[in-house]
Amino acid sequence: ARADGRRVSLSELDGSPRLLFFLATYDQASQFALVPVSQFLEHNPQAQVLGVLLQPDAQTFIPLFAHSLSVPFELFAEPDNQVLHGSTPLGKLAGVPAFVAIDARGFIRDLRYGVVSEAGLSAMLAAAR
């Protein structure tokens, strides 16, 4: 769900390659991972990164988190906890932060955990093209 509560699915988006960034506001590694993501987007303004908060009451935290840390991409909540329960094509994620590269047809092309460097993010997006 978007910050305003409207639900959205990947199939509704424009069909270009993108990176999904799964994170939690209370997780220091997730916060630290924002640095290379911000640098990546500075150097690749056409790239699409979507942030997904995986935590209780995620919807509540989106505006505050985005504002306080100057998040340079759109944040979403995952209200049904499907990712946390492993009931999506991603399966059950091992932890956060996690990055998933999705190609234009919606196929997963790369999955990485932890803080990923700017070069690593570029490689992930290239794998999705």
Protein backbone atom coordinates (compact mmCIF):
# COMPACT_ATOMS: atom_id res chain seq x y z
CA ALA A 1 0.00 0.00 0.00
CA ARG A 2 1.16 3.52 -0.72
CA ALA A 3 1.59 6.11 2.03
CA ASP A 4 -2.00 7.25 1.43
CA GLY A 5 -3.26 3.69 1.93
CA ARG A 6 -4.05 2.95 -1.74
CA ARG A 7 -3.07 -0.59 -2.65
CA VAL A 8 -0.77 -1.21 -5.59
CA SER A 9 0.74 -4.32 -7.13
CA LEU A 10 3.84 -4.68 -9.28
CA SER A 11 1.66 -5.57 -12.26
CA GLU A 12 0.08 -2.09 -12.07
CA LEU A 13 3.41 -0.33 -12.44
CA ASP A 14 4.88 0.58 -15.81
CA GLY A 15 6.67 -2.68 -16.59
CA SER A 16 10.26 -1.49 -16.54
CA PRO A 17 13.04 -3.13 -14.50
CA ARG A 18 13.12 -2.06 -10.88
CA LEU A 19 14.71 -2.74 -7.54
CA LEU A 20 12.60 -3.59 -4.53
CA PHE A 21 14.20 -2.60 -1.24
CA PHE A 22 12.70 -4.41 1.75
CA LEU A 23 13.52 -2.69 5.02
CA ALA A 24 12.38 -1.84 8.53
CA THR A 25 12.48 1.62 10.06
CA TYR A 26 13.88 0.34 13.37
CA ASP A 27 16.69 -1.64 11.74
CA GLN A 28 20.08 0.12 11.66
CA ALA A 29 21.31 -1.90 8.69
CA SER A 30 18.21 -0.82 6.73
CA GLN A 31 18.90 2.80 7.62
CA PHE A 32 22.58 2.47 6.66
CA ALA A 33 21.59 0.83 3.34
CA LEU A 34 19.86 4.09 2.40
CA VAL A 35 23.27 5.69 1.77
CA PRO A 36 24.30 3.59 -1.27
CA VAL A 37 20.70 3.58 -2.54
CA SER A 38 20.65 7.38 -2.45
CA GLN A 39 24.01 7.54 -4.24
CA PHE A 40 22.80 5.02 -6.83
CA LEU A 41 19.68 7.09 -7.55
CA GLU A 42 21.73 10.29 -7.75
CA HIS A 43 23.83 8.73 -10.52
CA ASN A 44 20.94 6.80 -12.10
CA PRO A 45 17.89 9.09 -11.91
CA GLN A 46 15.96 6.94 -14.39
CA ALA A 47 16.25 3.87 -12.14
CA GLN A 48 13.20 2.74 -10.23
CA VAL A 49 13.57 1.77 -6.58
CA LEU A 50 10.54 0.95 -4.49
CA GLY A 51 10.91 0.64 -0.73
CA VAL A 52 8.72 -1.80 1.18
CA LEU A 53 8.50 -1.51 4.96
CA LEU A 54 8.22 -4.93 6.58
CA GLN A 55 7.11 -4.25 10.12
CA PRO A 56 4.00 -3.82 12.24
CA ASP A 57 2.12 -0.58 11.59
CA ALA A 58 4.30 0.17 8.57
CA GLN A 59 1.67 2.50 7.11
CA THR A 60 2.01 4.76 10.15
CA PHE A 61 5.77 5.08 9.78
CA ILE A 62 6.04 5.85 6.06
CA PRO A 63 5.67 9.66 6.19
CA LEU A 64 7.86 10.15 9.26
CA PHE A 65 10.60 7.79 8.06
CA ALA A 66 10.62 9.26 4.54
CA HIS A 67 10.84 12.81 5.85
CA SER A 68 13.34 12.28 8.67
CA LEU A 69 15.84 10.35 6.52
CA SER A 70 15.15 12.09 3.18
CA VAL A 71 14.26 8.83 1.47
CA PRO A 72 14.70 9.42 -2.31
CA PHE A 73 12.17 6.81 -3.48
CA GLU A 74 8.56 5.90 -2.83
CA LEU A 75 7.85 3.80 0.25
CA PHE A 76 5.11 1.22 0.53
CA ALA A 77 3.64 -0.81 3.38
CA GLU A 78 2.91 -4.50 3.05
CA PRO A 79 -0.35 -4.62 5.03
CA ASP A 80 -1.19 -8.29 4.53
CA ASN A 81 2.27 -9.49 5.63
CA GLN A 82 2.45 -11.81 2.61
CA VAL A 83 6.19 -11.19 2.23
CA LEU A 84 6.82 -11.83 5.91
CA HIS A 85 4.83 -15.07 5.74
CA GLY A 86 6.48 -16.21 2.51
CA SER A 87 3.28 -16.33 0.46
CA THR A 88 4.63 -14.36 -2.53
CA PRO A 89 6.88 -15.44 -5.44
CA LEU A 90 9.79 -14.17 -3.33
CA GLY A 91 9.22 -16.89 -0.78
CA LYS A 92 10.16 -16.06 2.79
CA LEU A 93 12.87 -13.42 3.00
CA ALA A 94 15.71 -14.32 5.34
CA GLY A 95 15.89 -10.79 6.75
CA VAL A 96 16.19 -7.09 6.06
CA PRO A 97 17.55 -5.17 4.38
CA ALA A 98 16.93 -7.17 1.23
CA PHE A 99 17.11 -6.05 -2.40
CA VAL A 100 15.29 -7.78 -5.25
CA ALA A 101 15.81 -6.97 -8.93
CA ILE A 102 12.64 -7.48 -10.99
CA ASP A 103 12.68 -7.46 -14.79
CA ALA A 104 10.06 -5.79 -17.01
CA ARG A 105 7.99 -9.00 -17.11
CA GLY A 106 7.95 -9.30 -13.32
CA PHE A 107 10.57 -12.07 -12.96
CA ILE A 108 13.06 -12.02 -10.10
CA ARG A 109 16.58 -11.66 -11.52
CA ASP A 110 18.67 -11.09 -8.38
CA LEU A 111 18.25 -11.12 -4.60
CA ARG A 112 20.77 -9.78 -2.10
CA TYR A 113 20.74 -9.25 1.65
CA GLY A 114 22.45 -6.59 3.73
CA VAL A 115 23.91 -3.29 2.66
CA VAL A 116 24.51 -3.40 -1.10
CA SER A 117 27.03 -0.98 -2.63
CA GLU A 118 26.18 1.42 -5.41
CA ALA A 119 28.07 -0.83 -7.85
CA GLY A 120 26.13 -3.84 -6.55
CA LEU A 121 22.83 -2.07 -7.11
CA SER A 122 23.91 -1.18 -10.65
CA ALA A 123 24.79 -4.82 -11.31
CA MET A 124 21.41 -5.93 -9.96
CA LEU A 125 19.52 -3.54 -12.22
CA ALA A 126 21.65 -4.60 -15.21
CA ALA A 127 20.68 -8.23 -14.49
CA ALA A 128 17.02 -7.20 -14.70
CA ARG A 129 17.38 -5.57 -18.12
